[in-house]
Amino acid sequence: MGVESLEKGHKIQIADGSTAEVLGPAEGNRQVPVRILDSPFGPDEPGTEKKVDSDEINGVYTDDSMTEVRAL
């Protein structure tokens, strides 16, 4: 399973500890457009939209309560 499996609305965990929502498909199988939901350790404020490199994604949350993460 890779970055190409991400869909709009998926919640992901980023390497800096942030949680983000996927806004669309990966561009060129590398850059994923996201909106930051929570960033306790990272530099981005919640609501920030940016592109995240696929290497920075730790995993995808598998449940609505965002307690279970599946590796990407």
Protein backbone atom coordinates (compact mmCIF):
# COMPACT_ATOMS: atom_id res chain seq x y z
CA MET A 1 0.00 0.00 0.00
CA GLY A 2 1.43 3.35 -0.98
CA VAL A 3 0.71 7.03 -1.32
CA GLU A 4 -1.43 6.35 -4.40
CA SER A 5 -4.00 4.70 -2.12
CA LEU A 6 -4.70 7.97 -0.25
CA GLU A 7 -8.06 9.55 -0.95
CA LYS A 8 -9.63 12.90 -0.17
CA GLY A 9 -10.76 12.94 3.46
CA HIS A 10 -8.26 10.40 4.78
CA LYS A 11 -6.57 11.47 8.01
CA ILE A 12 -2.81 10.94 8.09
CA GLN A 13 0.02 11.19 10.59
CA ILE A 14 3.04 13.22 9.50
CA ALA A 15 6.61 12.65 10.70
CA ASP A 16 6.65 15.91 12.72
CA GLY A 17 3.73 14.62 14.84
CA SER A 18 1.04 16.55 12.99
CA THR A 19 -2.31 15.15 11.96
CA ALA A 20 -3.60 16.20 8.55
CA GLU A 21 -6.54 15.62 6.23
CA VAL A 22 -5.84 14.66 2.61
CA LEU A 23 -7.33 17.22 0.20
CA GLY A 24 -6.77 15.30 -3.04
CA PRO A 25 -4.70 12.67 -4.81
CA ALA A 26 -0.92 12.63 -4.71
CA GLU A 27 0.74 14.66 -7.43
CA GLY A 28 3.26 12.56 -9.30
CA ASN A 29 3.06 9.93 -6.52
CA ARG A 30 5.15 12.22 -4.28
CA GLN A 31 3.40 15.40 -3.07
CA VAL A 32 0.11 15.04 -1.20
CA PRO A 33 -2.06 18.14 -0.66
CA VAL A 34 -3.21 18.30 2.99
CA ARG A 35 -4.84 20.53 5.61
CA ILE A 36 -3.23 20.46 9.05
CA LEU A 37 -5.72 19.45 11.76
CA ASP A 38 -3.40 19.29 14.76
CA SER A 39 0.27 20.18 15.09
CA PRO A 40 1.49 19.80 18.68
CA PHE A 41 5.18 19.63 17.73
CA GLY A 42 5.30 20.92 14.16
CA PRO A 43 5.67 24.42 12.83
CA ASP A 44 2.28 24.60 11.06
CA GLU A 45 -0.91 26.04 12.53
CA PRO A 46 -4.17 24.05 12.31
CA GLY A 47 -5.95 24.97 9.08
CA THR A 48 -2.71 25.44 7.12
CA GLU A 49 -2.87 23.90 3.65
CA LYS A 50 0.34 22.57 2.17
CA LYS A 51 1.86 19.71 0.19
CA VAL A 52 3.58 16.92 2.09
CA ASP A 53 6.19 14.65 0.55
CA SER A 54 5.25 10.97 0.67
CA ASP A 55 8.41 10.26 2.70
CA GLU A 56 7.04 12.46 5.50
CA ILE A 57 3.84 10.42 5.95
CA ASN A 58 4.05 7.90 8.80
CA GLY A 59 0.65 6.34 8.27
CA VAL A 60 -3.10 6.60 7.76
CA TYR A 61 -5.64 6.60 10.59
CA THR A 62 -7.96 3.62 10.23
CA ASP A 63 -10.70 4.74 12.61
CA ASP A 64 -12.77 7.89 13.17
CA SER A 65 -11.39 8.40 16.67
CA MET A 66 -7.87 8.52 15.15
CA THR A 67 -6.33 6.04 17.58
CA GLU A 68 -5.22 3.34 15.10
CA VAL A 69 -2.57 4.08 12.46
CA ARG A 70 -1.77 1.83 9.49
CA ALA A 71 1.63 2.21 7.88
CA LEU A 72 1.60 3.64 4.39
